[in-house]
Amino acid sequence: MIKSIRHYQSLSIRLSSVVLAALVASNAPALADDSKTTGASTRPRVALALGGGGTRGAAHVGVLRVLQKEGIPIDMVAGTSMGAIVGGFYCAGLPIDQIEAKFTEPHIMKNYMTVPIYVRVLAIPFFAIPHLFGWHPYDGFYFGNKLRNYLESCLPEGKREIEQLNIPYRAVSTNLLDGKEYLISKGSLSKAMQASSAIPVLRRPVEYDDGLLVDGFIVANVPSEAARGMGADIVISVDVDENLHPMEKKHFRKIGSVAPRIEEIALEHGDEFPVKDSDVVIHPNVDGIGVLSLKAKDASKAIKAGEEAARAALPQIKAKLQSVVQSAVSRAQTGGLTD
């Protein structure tokens, strides 16, 4: 019996050592070995936490491209707002180039902003008319149906429910009813993406089971905690917020200048905890790109920024993978010395 246990422990150590060697080696595809070739416990489980940011979220495409090219394993994805949309496409198996085209053409944002915002603002007085006839829709400028239908059309057959996805997925939203985070882990993928990206006031809330959901940026713009809760050993977070730079007093004499600054400050402070809860944080430089920009050049700029930031983070990611595997090897070796 003791011999059998020692044999099993020795085999476990050898398997872990093989994986460690693969991580250290320059042959990047070895990093992507899964349980079919190395056993389910031979490498750490990696989760991506993709943050919200509208058009800035195109940077996620660049990050995914680099990680995929380098063979970095992605075992699960949690996304907020645009991170939920990009993450959902990726988990459904859409090629990176196809996801990129949805930004650069730019289909996603055109379906998000179906009518110019100034037209919606001018139409505010007409929003009261349905109430006069007994119809009481939820508050918001846009219904969101066109966006959801578009997202649904992008998904492959057989990959339109979260339970059907190639990679485990969570969409982070905010429940207006209790003010808490609402993790969507089942049901319609397009509806989950719609709910997670429903910016309050701009878009109408989405009914989902017992919740009334809006954009997840309110509770977790970078969903690292949700990613960790999926069972990840390593969480790689992608923060696509602008950097918070000092401003001069005269800037705030402009009409409409305070609200965007408040948003920047709130997101900066709100992301402090998720950053601390992450093993690696990738922060592309998306300064100057508007959240609701319809410009293809802004999307391309964000994608390039994502690629650059991901490449810069590769040494840290590989070092973390190596460190976790080394710890597993050490624990196995320690266990092998005791009967």
C-alpha atoms as a PDB file:
ATOM      1  CA  MET A   1       0.000   0.000   0.000  1.00  0.00           C
ATOM      2  CA  ILE A   2       2.782   2.402   0.972  1.00  0.00           C
ATOM      3  CA  LYS A   3       4.670   1.542  -2.213  1.00  0.00           C
ATOM      4  CA  SER A   4       1.573   2.347  -4.284  1.00  0.00           C
ATOM      5  CA  ILE A   5       1.157   5.712  -2.593  1.00  0.00           C
ATOM      6  CA  ARG A   6       4.815   6.565  -3.128  1.00  0.00           C
ATOM      7  CA  HIS A   7       4.579   5.483  -6.751  1.00  0.00           C
ATOM      8  CA  TYR A   8       1.550   7.742  -7.285  1.00  0.00           C
ATOM      9  CA  GLN A   9       3.293  10.686  -5.595  1.00  0.00           C
ATOM     10  CA  SER A  10       6.435  10.136  -7.651  1.00  0.00           C
ATOM     11  CA  LEU A  11       4.391  10.063 -10.845  1.00  0.00           C
ATOM     12  CA  SER A  12       2.624  13.292  -9.831  1.00  0.00           C
ATOM     13  CA  ILE A  13       5.957  15.006  -9.214  1.00  0.00           C
ATOM     14  CA  ARG A  14       7.332  13.899 -12.567  1.00  0.00           C
ATOM     15  CA  LEU A  15       4.233  15.155 -14.378  1.00  0.00           C
ATOM     16  CA  SER A  16       4.433  18.529 -12.621  1.00  0.00           C
ATOM     17  CA  SER A  17       8.115  18.793 -13.456  1.00  0.00           C
ATOM     18  CA  VAL A  18       7.383  18.196 -17.123  1.00  0.00           C
ATOM     19  CA  VAL A  19       4.850  21.019 -17.144  1.00  0.00           C
ATOM     20  CA  LEU A  20       7.250  23.313 -15.294  1.00  0.00           C
ATOM     21  CA  ALA A  21       9.897  22.653 -17.903  1.00  0.00           C
ATOM     22  CA  ALA A  22       7.369  23.511 -20.613  1.00  0.00           C
ATOM     23  CA  LEU A  23       6.596  26.795 -18.916  1.00  0.00           C
ATOM     24  CA  VAL A  24      10.253  27.759 -18.662  1.00  0.00           C
ATOM     25  CA  ALA A  25      11.016  26.739 -22.213  1.00  0.00           C
ATOM     26  CA  SER A  26      10.724  29.251 -25.022  1.00  0.00           C
ATOM     27  CA  ASN A  27       8.290  27.034 -26.911  1.00  0.00           C
ATOM     28  CA  ALA A  28       5.178  29.089 -26.120  1.00  0.00           C
ATOM     29  CA  PRO A  29       2.514  26.631 -27.358  1.00  0.00           C
ATOM     30  CA  ALA A  30       3.512  24.274 -24.525  1.00  0.00           C
ATOM     31  CA  LEU A  31       1.767  26.683 -22.183  1.00  0.00           C
ATOM     32  CA  ALA A  32      -1.557  25.843 -23.722  1.00  0.00           C
ATOM     33  CA  ASP A  33      -1.408  22.079 -22.959  1.00  0.00           C
ATOM     34  CA  ASP A  34      -4.700  21.071 -21.357  1.00  0.00           C
ATOM     35  CA  SER A  35      -5.934  18.161 -19.300  1.00  0.00           C
ATOM     36  CA  LYS A  36      -6.021  15.891 -22.354  1.00  0.00           C
ATOM     37  CA  THR A  37      -2.232  15.843 -22.503  1.00  0.00           C
ATOM     38  CA  THR A  38      -0.984  16.790 -19.045  1.00  0.00           C
ATOM     39  CA  GLY A  39      -3.788  15.942 -16.614  1.00  0.00           C
ATOM     40  CA  ALA A  40      -6.281  18.375 -15.153  1.00  0.00           C
ATOM     41  CA  SER A  41      -4.131  19.326 -12.141  1.00  0.00           C
ATOM     42  CA  THR A  42      -0.756  19.766 -13.836  1.00  0.00           C
ATOM     43  CA  ARG A  43      -1.061  23.483 -14.576  1.00  0.00           C
ATOM     44  CA  PRO A  44      -2.839  26.445 -13.003  1.00  0.00           C
ATOM     45  CA  ARG A  45      -6.319  27.401 -14.171  1.00  0.00           C
ATOM     46  CA  VAL A  46      -6.225  30.863 -15.751  1.00  0.00           C
ATOM     47  CA  ALA A  47      -9.133  33.305 -15.841  1.00  0.00           C
ATOM     48  CA  LEU A  48      -9.469  36.551 -17.754  1.00  0.00           C
ATOM     49  CA  ALA A  49     -11.335  39.462 -16.174  1.00  0.00           C
ATOM     50  CA  LEU A  50     -12.304  41.825 -19.000  1.00  0.00           C
ATOM     51  CA  GLY A  51     -13.345  45.306 -17.888  1.00  0.00           C
ATOM     52  CA  GLY A  52     -15.941  47.690 -19.271  1.00  0.00           C
ATOM     53  CA  GLY A  53     -15.167  50.747 -21.367  1.00  0.00           C
ATOM     54  CA  GLY A  54     -17.308  50.974 -24.498  1.00  0.00           C
ATOM     55  CA  THR A  55     -15.189  51.494 -27.603  1.00  0.00           C
ATOM     56  CA  ARG A  56     -12.078  51.321 -25.429  1.00  0.00           C
ATOM     57  CA  GLY A  57     -13.037  47.690 -24.898  1.00  0.00           C
ATOM     58  CA  ALA A  58     -11.738  46.956 -28.390  1.00  0.00           C
ATOM     59  CA  ALA A  59      -8.390  46.717 -26.585  1.00  0.00           C
ATOM     60  CA  HIS A  60      -9.555  43.318 -25.299  1.00  0.00           C
ATOM     61  CA  VAL A  61      -9.286  42.038 -28.870  1.00  0.00           C
ATOM     62  CA  GLY A  62      -5.604  42.968 -29.001  1.00  0.00           C
ATOM     63  CA  VAL A  63      -4.972  41.342 -25.620  1.00  0.00           C
ATOM     64  CA  LEU A  64      -6.699  38.125 -26.662  1.00  0.00           C
ATOM     65  CA  ARG A  65      -4.738  37.993 -29.910  1.00  0.00           C
ATOM     66  CA  VAL A  66      -1.389  38.197 -28.119  1.00  0.00           C
ATOM     67  CA  LEU A  67      -2.325  35.684 -25.402  1.00  0.00           C
ATOM     68  CA  GLN A  68      -3.609  33.248 -28.011  1.00  0.00           C
ATOM     69  CA  LYS A  69      -0.493  33.645 -30.167  1.00  0.00           C
ATOM     70  CA  GLU A  70       1.766  33.070 -27.156  1.00  0.00           C
ATOM     71  CA  GLY A  71      -0.155  29.973 -26.090  1.00  0.00           C
ATOM     72  CA  ILE A  72      -1.256  31.403 -22.755  1.00  0.00           C
ATOM     73  CA  PRO A  73      -4.127  29.178 -21.542  1.00  0.00           C
ATOM     74  CA  ILE A  74      -7.520  30.781 -20.954  1.00  0.00           C
ATOM     75  CA  ASP A  75      -9.750  28.469 -18.941  1.00  0.00           C
ATOM     76  CA  MET A  76     -12.558  30.892 -18.034  1.00  0.00           C
ATOM     77  CA  VAL A  77     -13.694  34.450 -18.689  1.00  0.00           C
ATOM     78  CA  ALA A  78     -15.606  37.007 -16.632  1.00  0.00           C
ATOM     79  CA  GLY A  79     -16.608  40.226 -18.373  1.00  0.00           C
ATOM     80  CA  THR A  80     -18.249  43.527 -17.575  1.00  0.00           C
ATOM     81  CA  SER A  81     -20.063  45.596 -20.217  1.00  0.00           C
ATOM     82  CA  MET A  82     -17.920  45.603 -23.383  1.00  0.00           C
ATOM     83  CA  GLY A  83     -15.695  43.048 -21.683  1.00  0.00           C
ATOM     84  CA  ALA A  84     -18.757  40.797 -21.424  1.00  0.00           C
ATOM     85  CA  ILE A  85     -19.440  41.234 -25.145  1.00  0.00           C
ATOM     86  CA  VAL A  86     -15.879  40.529 -26.286  1.00  0.00           C
ATOM     87  CA  GLY A  87     -15.539  37.729 -23.757  1.00  0.00           C
ATOM     88  CA  GLY A  88     -18.820  36.180 -24.865  1.00  0.00           C
ATOM     89  CA  PHE A  89     -17.747  36.177 -28.504  1.00  0.00           C
ATOM     90  CA  TYR A  90     -14.426  34.602 -27.570  1.00  0.00           C
ATOM     91  CA  CYS A  91     -15.993  31.897 -25.387  1.00  0.00           C
ATOM     92  CA  ALA A  92     -18.421  31.108 -28.215  1.00  0.00           C
ATOM     93  CA  GLY A  93     -15.463  30.362 -30.476  1.00  0.00           C
ATOM     94  CA  LEU A  94     -15.460  33.402 -32.773  1.00  0.00           C
ATOM     95  CA  PRO A  95     -12.015  33.923 -34.357  1.00  0.00           C
ATOM     96  CA  ILE A  96     -10.121  36.990 -33.146  1.00  0.00           C
ATOM     97  CA  ASP A  97     -10.130  38.556 -36.614  1.00  0.00           C
ATOM     98  CA  GLN A  98     -13.929  38.331 -36.762  1.00  0.00           C
ATOM     99  CA  ILE A  99     -14.295  40.006 -33.374  1.00  0.00           C
ATOM    100  CA  GLU A 100     -11.898  42.741 -34.497  1.00  0.00           C
ATOM    101  CA  ALA A 101     -13.968  43.431 -37.616  1.00  0.00           C
ATOM    102  CA  LYS A 102     -17.044  44.032 -35.489  1.00  0.00           C
ATOM    103  CA  PHE A 103     -15.229  47.003 -33.954  1.00  0.00           C
ATOM    104  CA  THR A 104     -13.406  48.393 -36.958  1.00  0.00           C
ATOM    105  CA  GLU A 105     -16.349  48.360 -39.364  1.00  0.00           C
ATOM    106  CA  PRO A 106     -17.830  49.292 -36.669  1.00  0.00           C
ATOM    107  CA  HIS A 107     -20.925  47.137 -36.230  1.00  0.00           C
ATOM    108  CA  ILE A 108     -21.016  46.788 -32.445  1.00  0.00           C
ATOM    109  CA  MET A 109     -21.132  50.496 -31.634  1.00  0.00           C
ATOM    110  CA  LYS A 110     -23.534  51.304 -34.484  1.00  0.00           C
ATOM    111  CA  ASN A 111     -25.959  48.743 -33.102  1.00  0.00           C
ATOM    112  CA  TYR A 112     -25.380  50.076 -29.610  1.00  0.00           C
ATOM    113  CA  MET A 113     -26.052  53.700 -30.628  1.00  0.00           C
ATOM    114  CA  THR A 114     -28.891  53.068 -33.064  1.00  0.00           C
ATOM    115  CA  VAL A 115     -29.964  56.740 -33.074  1.00  0.00           C
ATOM    116  CA  PRO A 116     -27.692  59.728 -32.299  1.00  0.00           C
ATOM    117  CA  ILE A 117     -27.901  60.636 -28.634  1.00  0.00           C
ATOM    118  CA  TYR A 118     -28.985  64.233 -29.366  1.00  0.00           C
ATOM    119  CA  VAL A 119     -32.044  62.889 -31.198  1.00  0.00           C
ATOM    120  CA  ARG A 120     -32.967  60.803 -28.167  1.00  0.00           C
ATOM    121  CA  VAL A 121     -32.562  63.813 -25.896  1.00  0.00           C
ATOM    122  CA  LEU A 122     -34.844  65.903 -28.113  1.00  0.00           C
ATOM    123  CA  ALA A 123     -37.405  63.095 -27.988  1.00  0.00           C
ATOM    124  CA  ILE A 124     -37.581  63.050 -24.177  1.00  0.00           C
ATOM    125  CA  PRO A 125     -40.967  64.841 -24.048  1.00  0.00           C
ATOM    126  CA  PHE A 126     -42.461  62.099 -26.217  1.00  0.00           C
ATOM    127  CA  PHE A 127     -41.354  59.393 -23.764  1.00  0.00           C
ATOM    128  CA  ALA A 128     -44.249  60.407 -21.502  1.00  0.00           C
ATOM    129  CA  ILE A 129     -46.886  59.626 -24.132  1.00  0.00           C
ATOM    130  CA  PRO A 130     -46.971  55.814 -23.589  1.00  0.00           C
ATOM    131  CA  HIS A 131     -47.638  56.411 -19.888  1.00  0.00           C
ATOM    132  CA  LEU A 132     -50.798  58.291 -20.801  1.00  0.00           C
ATOM    133  CA  PHE A 133     -52.139  55.117 -22.434  1.00  0.00           C
ATOM    134  CA  GLY A 134     -51.210  52.782 -19.595  1.00  0.00           C
ATOM    135  CA  TRP A 135     -47.893  51.489 -20.945  1.00  0.00           C
ATOM    136  CA  HIS A 136     -45.036  52.012 -18.489  1.00  0.00           C
ATOM    137  CA  PRO A 137     -41.702  51.004 -20.047  1.00  0.00           C
ATOM    138  CA  TYR A 138     -38.537  51.102 -17.979  1.00  0.00           C
ATOM    139  CA  ASP A 139     -36.534  54.308 -17.874  1.00  0.00           C
ATOM    140  CA  GLY A 140     -33.888  54.838 -20.549  1.00  0.00           C
ATOM    141  CA  PHE A 141     -33.266  56.341 -23.984  1.00  0.00           C
ATOM    142  CA  TYR A 142     -32.687  53.052 -25.865  1.00  0.00           C
ATOM    143  CA  PHE A 143     -34.584  49.777 -25.592  1.00  0.00           C
ATOM    144  CA  GLY A 144     -31.579  47.633 -26.542  1.00  0.00           C
ATOM    145  CA  ASN A 145     -33.488  45.142 -28.699  1.00  0.00           C
ATOM    146  CA  LYS A 146     -31.517  45.945 -31.848  1.00  0.00           C
ATOM    147  CA  LEU A 147     -28.234  45.398 -30.025  1.00  0.00           C
ATOM    148  CA  ARG A 148     -29.388  42.079 -28.631  1.00  0.00           C
ATOM    149  CA  ASN A 149     -30.602  40.876 -32.026  1.00  0.00           C
ATOM    150  CA  TYR A 150     -27.282  41.878 -33.557  1.00  0.00           C
ATOM    151  CA  LEU A 151     -25.277  40.052 -30.872  1.00  0.00           C
ATOM    152  CA  GLU A 152     -27.470  36.981 -31.322  1.00  0.00           C
ATOM    153  CA  SER A 153     -26.828  36.996 -35.089  1.00  0.00           C
ATOM    154  CA  CYS A 154     -23.067  37.006 -34.491  1.00  0.00           C
ATOM    155  CA  LEU A 155     -23.120  33.829 -32.410  1.00  0.00           C
ATOM    156  CA  PRO A 156     -22.657  30.402 -33.994  1.00  0.00           C
ATOM    157  CA  GLU A 157     -25.533  27.934 -33.910  1.00  0.00           C
ATOM    158  CA  GLY A 158     -25.260  25.811 -30.807  1.00  0.00           C
ATOM    159  CA  LYS A 159     -23.323  28.516 -28.927  1.00  0.00           C
ATOM    160  CA  ARG A 160     -26.134  30.910 -28.068  1.00  0.00           C
ATOM    161  CA  GLU A 161     -26.672  29.697 -24.516  1.00  0.00           C
ATOM    162  CA  ILE A 162     -24.040  30.230 -21.837  1.00  0.00           C
ATOM    163  CA  GLU A 163     -24.184  26.546 -20.927  1.00  0.00           C
ATOM    164  CA  GLN A 164     -23.106  25.672 -24.495  1.00  0.00           C
ATOM    165  CA  LEU A 165     -19.930  27.775 -24.586  1.00  0.00           C
ATOM    166  CA  ASN A 166     -16.478  26.341 -25.198  1.00  0.00           C
ATOM    167  CA  ILE A 167     -15.075  28.199 -22.181  1.00  0.00           C
ATOM    168  CA  PRO A 168     -16.841  28.880 -18.844  1.00  0.00           C
ATOM    169  CA  TYR A 169     -18.230  32.427 -18.845  1.00  0.00           C
ATOM    170  CA  ARG A 170     -19.769  34.972 -16.477  1.00  0.00           C
ATOM    171  CA  ALA A 171     -21.307  38.358 -17.342  1.00  0.00           C
ATOM    172  CA  VAL A 172     -21.273  40.938 -14.555  1.00  0.00           C
ATOM    173  CA  SER A 173     -24.245  43.266 -14.173  1.00  0.00           C
ATOM    174  CA  THR A 174     -25.863  45.424 -11.493  1.00  0.00           C
ATOM    175  CA  ASN A 175     -29.267  44.551 -10.063  1.00  0.00           C
ATOM    176  CA  LEU A 176     -31.291  47.736  -9.617  1.00  0.00           C
ATOM    177  CA  LEU A 177     -33.636  46.000  -7.180  1.00  0.00           C
ATOM    178  CA  ASP A 178     -31.104  45.385  -4.417  1.00  0.00           C
ATOM    179  CA  GLY A 179     -28.110  47.382  -5.659  1.00  0.00           C
ATOM    180  CA  LYS A 180     -25.851  44.337  -5.711  1.00  0.00           C
ATOM    181  CA  GLU A 181     -23.685  42.570  -8.269  1.00  0.00           C
ATOM    182  CA  TYR A 182     -25.570  40.059 -10.396  1.00  0.00           C
ATOM    183  CA  LEU A 183     -23.526  37.331 -12.079  1.00  0.00           C
ATOM    184  CA  ILE A 184     -25.123  35.845 -15.166  1.00  0.00           C
ATOM    185  CA  SER A 185     -23.953  32.263 -15.601  1.00  0.00           C
ATOM    186  CA  LYS A 186     -26.766  30.628 -17.572  1.00  0.00           C
ATOM    187  CA  GLY A 187     -29.321  31.285 -20.256  1.00  0.00           C
ATOM    188  CA  SER A 188     -29.190  33.449 -23.370  1.00  0.00           C
ATOM    189  CA  LEU A 189     -25.687  34.740 -24.077  1.00  0.00           C
ATOM    190  CA  SER A 190     -26.910  37.714 -26.113  1.00  0.00           C
ATOM    191  CA  LYS A 191     -29.280  38.750 -23.328  1.00  0.00           C
ATOM    192  CA  ALA A 192     -26.454  38.452 -20.783  1.00  0.00           C
ATOM    193  CA  MET A 193     -24.240  40.686 -22.925  1.00  0.00           C
ATOM    194  CA  GLN A 194     -27.105  43.165 -23.387  1.00  0.00           C
ATOM    195  CA  ALA A 195     -27.755  43.361 -19.626  1.00  0.00           C
ATOM    196  CA  SER A 196     -24.092  43.710 -18.688  1.00  0.00           C
ATOM    197  CA  SER A 197     -23.662  46.640 -21.096  1.00  0.00           C
ATOM    198  CA  ALA A 198     -26.910  48.509 -20.376  1.00  0.00           C
ATOM    199  CA  ILE A 199     -25.547  51.908 -19.302  1.00  0.00           C
ATOM    200  CA  PRO A 200     -28.102  53.427 -16.895  1.00  0.00           C
ATOM    201  CA  VAL A 201     -30.294  56.214 -18.313  1.00  0.00           C
ATOM    202  CA  LEU A 202     -28.793  55.657 -21.774  1.00  0.00           C
ATOM    203  CA  ARG A 203     -30.217  52.132 -22.081  1.00  0.00           C
ATOM    204  CA  ARG A 204     -33.249  50.581 -20.454  1.00  0.00           C
ATOM    205  CA  PRO A 205     -32.771  47.929 -17.745  1.00  0.00           C
ATOM    206  CA  VAL A 206     -33.061  44.270 -18.721  1.00  0.00           C
ATOM    207  CA  GLU A 207     -35.355  41.852 -16.900  1.00  0.00           C
ATOM    208  CA  TYR A 208     -33.435  38.694 -16.048  1.00  0.00           C
ATOM    209  CA  ASP A 209     -35.089  36.032 -13.864  1.00  0.00           C
ATOM    210  CA  ASP A 210     -35.751  37.822 -10.575  1.00  0.00           C
ATOM    211  CA  GLY A 211     -33.480  40.803 -11.344  1.00  0.00           C
ATOM    212  CA  LEU A 212     -33.677  44.097 -13.208  1.00  0.00           C
ATOM    213  CA  LEU A 213     -30.217  44.545 -14.624  1.00  0.00           C
ATOM    214  CA  VAL A 214     -28.016  47.374 -15.867  1.00  0.00           C
ATOM    215  CA  ASP A 215     -24.342  47.799 -16.693  1.00  0.00           C
ATOM    216  CA  GLY A 216     -21.940  45.999 -14.360  1.00  0.00           C
ATOM    217  CA  PHE A 217     -19.474  48.884 -14.244  1.00  0.00           C
ATOM    218  CA  ILE A 218     -21.329  50.260 -11.207  1.00  0.00           C
ATOM    219  CA  VAL A 219     -20.343  47.329  -8.997  1.00  0.00           C
ATOM    220  CA  ALA A 220     -17.311  45.788 -10.706  1.00  0.00           C
ATOM    221  CA  ASN A 221     -15.903  47.475 -13.791  1.00  0.00           C
ATOM    222  CA  VAL A 222     -12.951  45.063 -13.718  1.00  0.00           C
ATOM    223  CA  PRO A 223     -14.516  41.737 -12.630  1.00  0.00           C
ATOM    224  CA  SER A 224     -11.478  40.092 -11.031  1.00  0.00           C
ATOM    225  CA  GLU A 225     -13.440  38.847  -8.021  1.00  0.00           C
ATOM    226  CA  ALA A 226     -15.972  37.130 -10.274  1.00  0.00           C
ATOM    227  CA  ALA A 227     -13.112  35.545 -12.235  1.00  0.00           C
ATOM    228  CA  ARG A 228     -11.481  34.297  -9.036  1.00  0.00           C
ATOM    229  CA  GLY A 229     -14.795  32.881  -7.882  1.00  0.00           C
ATOM    230  CA  MET A 230     -14.955  30.686 -10.987  1.00  0.00           C
ATOM    231  CA  GLY A 231     -12.110  28.626  -9.542  1.00  0.00           C
ATOM    232  CA  ALA A 232      -9.103  30.317 -11.101  1.00  0.00           C
ATOM    233  CA  ASP A 233      -5.576  29.927  -9.756  1.00  0.00           C
ATOM    234  CA  ILE A 234      -4.407  32.944 -11.740  1.00  0.00           C
ATOM    235  CA  VAL A 235      -6.493  35.983 -12.658  1.00  0.00           C
ATOM    236  CA  ILE A 236      -5.346  38.211 -15.514  1.00  0.00           C
ATOM    237  CA  SER A 237      -7.357  41.448 -15.471  1.00  0.00           C
ATOM    238  CA  VAL A 238      -7.660  43.856 -18.380  1.00  0.00           C
ATOM    239  CA  ASP A 239      -8.483  47.433 -17.347  1.00  0.00           C
ATOM    240  CA  VAL A 240      -9.544  49.606 -20.283  1.00  0.00           C
ATOM    241  CA  ASP A 241     -10.211  52.819 -18.376  1.00  0.00           C
ATOM    242  CA  GLU A 242      -8.369  56.003 -19.265  1.00  0.00           C
ATOM    243  CA  ASN A 243      -5.500  57.023 -17.016  1.00  0.00           C
ATOM    244  CA  LEU A 244      -6.433  59.679 -14.474  1.00  0.00           C
ATOM    245  CA  HIS A 245      -4.361  62.752 -15.268  1.00  0.00           C
ATOM    246  CA  PRO A 246      -4.323  66.048 -13.338  1.00  0.00           C
ATOM    247  CA  MET A 247      -6.404  68.858 -14.843  1.00  0.00           C
ATOM    248  CA  GLU A 248      -6.345  72.642 -14.564  1.00  0.00           C
ATOM    249  CA  LYS A 249      -9.165  74.658 -13.004  1.00  0.00           C
ATOM    250  CA  LYS A 250     -10.060  76.372 -16.256  1.00  0.00           C
ATOM    251  CA  HIS A 251     -11.040  73.035 -17.817  1.00  0.00           C
ATOM    252  CA  PHE A 252     -14.102  72.870 -15.586  1.00  0.00           C
ATOM    253  CA  ARG A 253     -15.489  76.200 -16.809  1.00  0.00           C
ATOM    254  CA  LYS A 254     -16.667  74.331 -19.907  1.00  0.00           C
ATOM    255  CA  ILE A 255     -20.284  73.188 -20.003  1.00  0.00           C
ATOM    256  CA  GLY A 256     -20.525  69.458 -19.401  1.00  0.00           C
ATOM    257  CA  SER A 257     -16.944  69.106 -18.170  1.00  0.00           C
ATOM    258  CA  VAL A 258     -17.642  67.944 -14.608  1.00  0.00           C
ATOM    259  CA  ALA A 259     -19.675  64.771 -15.260  1.00  0.00           C
ATOM    260  CA  PRO A 260     -16.995  63.014 -17.355  1.00  0.00           C
ATOM    261  CA  ARG A 261     -14.385  63.864 -14.715  1.00  0.00           C
ATOM    262  CA  ILE A 262     -16.563  62.398 -11.961  1.00  0.00           C
ATOM    263  CA  GLU A 263     -16.878  59.219 -14.008  1.00  0.00           C
ATOM    264  CA  GLU A 264     -13.094  59.001 -14.421  1.00  0.00           C
ATOM    265  CA  ILE A 265     -12.506  59.490 -10.697  1.00  0.00           C
ATOM    266  CA  ALA A 266     -15.189  56.976  -9.712  1.00  0.00           C
ATOM    267  CA  LEU A 267     -13.800  54.316 -12.041  1.00  0.00           C
ATOM    268  CA  GLU A 268     -10.234  54.965 -10.898  1.00  0.00           C
ATOM    269  CA  HIS A 269     -11.120  54.427  -7.253  1.00  0.00           C
ATOM    270  CA  GLY A 270     -13.586  51.649  -7.985  1.00  0.00           C
ATOM    271  CA  ASP A 271     -10.904  49.642  -9.783  1.00  0.00           C
ATOM    272  CA  GLU A 272      -8.428  49.745  -6.891  1.00  0.00           C
ATOM    273  CA  PHE A 273      -9.749  46.575  -5.241  1.00  0.00           C
ATOM    274  CA  PRO A 274     -10.051  44.518  -8.460  1.00  0.00           C
ATOM    275  CA  VAL A 275      -6.468  45.434  -9.318  1.00  0.00           C
ATOM    276  CA  LYS A 276      -5.280  44.209  -5.918  1.00  0.00           C
ATOM    277  CA  ASP A 277      -7.274  40.995  -6.359  1.00  0.00           C
ATOM    278  CA  SER A 278      -5.557  40.227  -9.678  1.00  0.00           C
ATOM    279  CA  ASP A 279      -2.331  38.350 -10.270  1.00  0.00           C
ATOM    280  CA  VAL A 280      -1.560  40.303 -13.427  1.00  0.00           C
ATOM    281  CA  VAL A 281      -3.146  43.549 -14.610  1.00  0.00           C
ATOM    282  CA  ILE A 282      -2.980  44.612 -18.252  1.00  0.00           C
ATOM    283  CA  HIS A 283      -3.817  48.297 -18.707  1.00  0.00           C
ATOM    284  CA  PRO A 284      -3.759  49.399 -22.358  1.00  0.00           C
ATOM    285  CA  ASN A 285      -3.270  53.081 -23.025  1.00  0.00           C
ATOM    286  CA  VAL A 286      -6.714  54.064 -24.340  1.00  0.00           C
ATOM    287  CA  ASP A 287      -6.464  57.736 -23.398  1.00  0.00           C
ATOM    288  CA  GLY A 288      -8.403  59.970 -25.755  1.00  0.00           C
ATOM    289  CA  ILE A 289     -10.799  57.277 -26.956  1.00  0.00           C
ATOM    290  CA  GLY A 290     -14.427  58.094 -26.200  1.00  0.00           C
ATOM    291  CA  VAL A 291     -16.586  55.456 -24.536  1.00  0.00           C
ATOM    292  CA  LEU A 292     -19.244  55.792 -27.259  1.00  0.00           C
ATOM    293  CA  SER A 293     -16.949  56.586 -30.179  1.00  0.00           C
ATOM    294  CA  LEU A 294     -18.147  55.369 -33.577  1.00  0.00           C
ATOM    295  CA  LYS A 295     -14.785  56.011 -35.225  1.00  0.00           C
ATOM    296  CA  ALA A 296     -13.067  52.997 -36.718  1.00  0.00           C
ATOM    297  CA  LYS A 297      -9.689  54.617 -36.095  1.00  0.00           C
ATOM    298  CA  ASP A 298     -10.427  54.743 -32.357  1.00  0.00           C
ATOM    299  CA  ALA A 299     -11.250  51.041 -32.331  1.00  0.00           C
ATOM    300  CA  SER A 300      -8.049  50.267 -34.240  1.00  0.00           C
ATOM    301  CA  LYS A 301      -6.071  52.420 -31.818  1.00  0.00           C
ATOM    302  CA  ALA A 302      -7.553  50.533 -28.864  1.00  0.00           C
ATOM    303  CA  ILE A 303      -6.782  47.133 -30.414  1.00  0.00           C
ATOM    304  CA  LYS A 304      -3.173  48.143 -31.018  1.00  0.00           C
ATOM    305  CA  ALA A 305      -2.915  49.437 -27.452  1.00  0.00           C
ATOM    306  CA  GLY A 306      -4.217  46.085 -26.204  1.00  0.00           C
ATOM    307  CA  GLU A 307      -1.588  44.203 -28.189  1.00  0.00           C
ATOM    308  CA  GLU A 308       1.217  46.415 -26.876  1.00  0.00           C
ATOM    309  CA  ALA A 309       0.091  46.147 -23.267  1.00  0.00           C
ATOM    310  CA  ALA A 310      -0.331  42.374 -23.486  1.00  0.00           C
ATOM    311  CA  ARG A 311       3.136  41.894 -24.963  1.00  0.00           C
ATOM    312  CA  ALA A 312       4.601  44.025 -22.173  1.00  0.00           C
ATOM    313  CA  ALA A 313       2.835  41.824 -19.592  1.00  0.00           C
ATOM    314  CA  LEU A 314       3.969  38.489 -21.040  1.00  0.00           C
ATOM    315  CA  PRO A 315       7.080  38.116 -18.836  1.00  0.00           C
ATOM    316  CA  GLN A 316       4.966  38.688 -15.721  1.00  0.00           C
ATOM    317  CA  ILE A 317       2.286  36.248 -16.897  1.00  0.00           C
ATOM    318  CA  LYS A 318       4.786  33.501 -17.695  1.00  0.00           C
ATOM    319  CA  ALA A 319       6.613  34.077 -14.411  1.00  0.00           C
ATOM    320  CA  LYS A 320       3.332  33.719 -12.511  1.00  0.00           C
ATOM    321  CA  LEU A 321       2.474  30.510 -14.346  1.00  0.00           C
ATOM    322  CA  GLN A 322       5.921  29.156 -13.555  1.00  0.00           C
ATOM    323  CA  SER A 323       5.639  30.187  -9.912  1.00  0.00           C
ATOM    324  CA  VAL A 324       2.289  28.450  -9.407  1.00  0.00           C
ATOM    325  CA  VAL A 325       3.488  25.231 -11.032  1.00  0.00           C
ATOM    326  CA  GLN A 326       6.695  25.326  -8.994  1.00  0.00           C
ATOM    327  CA  SER A 327       4.613  25.648  -5.828  1.00  0.00           C
ATOM    328  CA  ALA A 328       2.579  22.614  -6.881  1.00  0.00           C
ATOM    329  CA  VAL A 329       5.778  20.653  -7.475  1.00  0.00           C
ATOM    330  CA  SER A 330       7.105  21.661  -4.057  1.00  0.00           C
ATOM    331  CA  ARG A 331       3.894  20.586  -2.344  1.00  0.00           C
ATOM    332  CA  ALA A 332       3.987  17.244  -4.153  1.00  0.00           C
ATOM    333  CA  GLN A 333       7.612  16.715  -3.137  1.00  0.00           C
ATOM    334  CA  THR A 334       6.842  17.535   0.477  1.00  0.00           C
ATOM    335  CA  GLY A 335       3.984  15.095   0.463  1.00  0.00           C
ATOM    336  CA  GLY A 336       6.237  12.448  -0.988  1.00  0.00           C
ATOM    337  CA  LEU A 337       8.501  12.537   2.067  1.00  0.00           C
ATOM    338  CA  THR A 338       5.735  11.468   4.450  1.00  0.00           C
ATOM    339  CA  ASP A 339       4.026   8.083   4.758  1.00  0.00           C
END
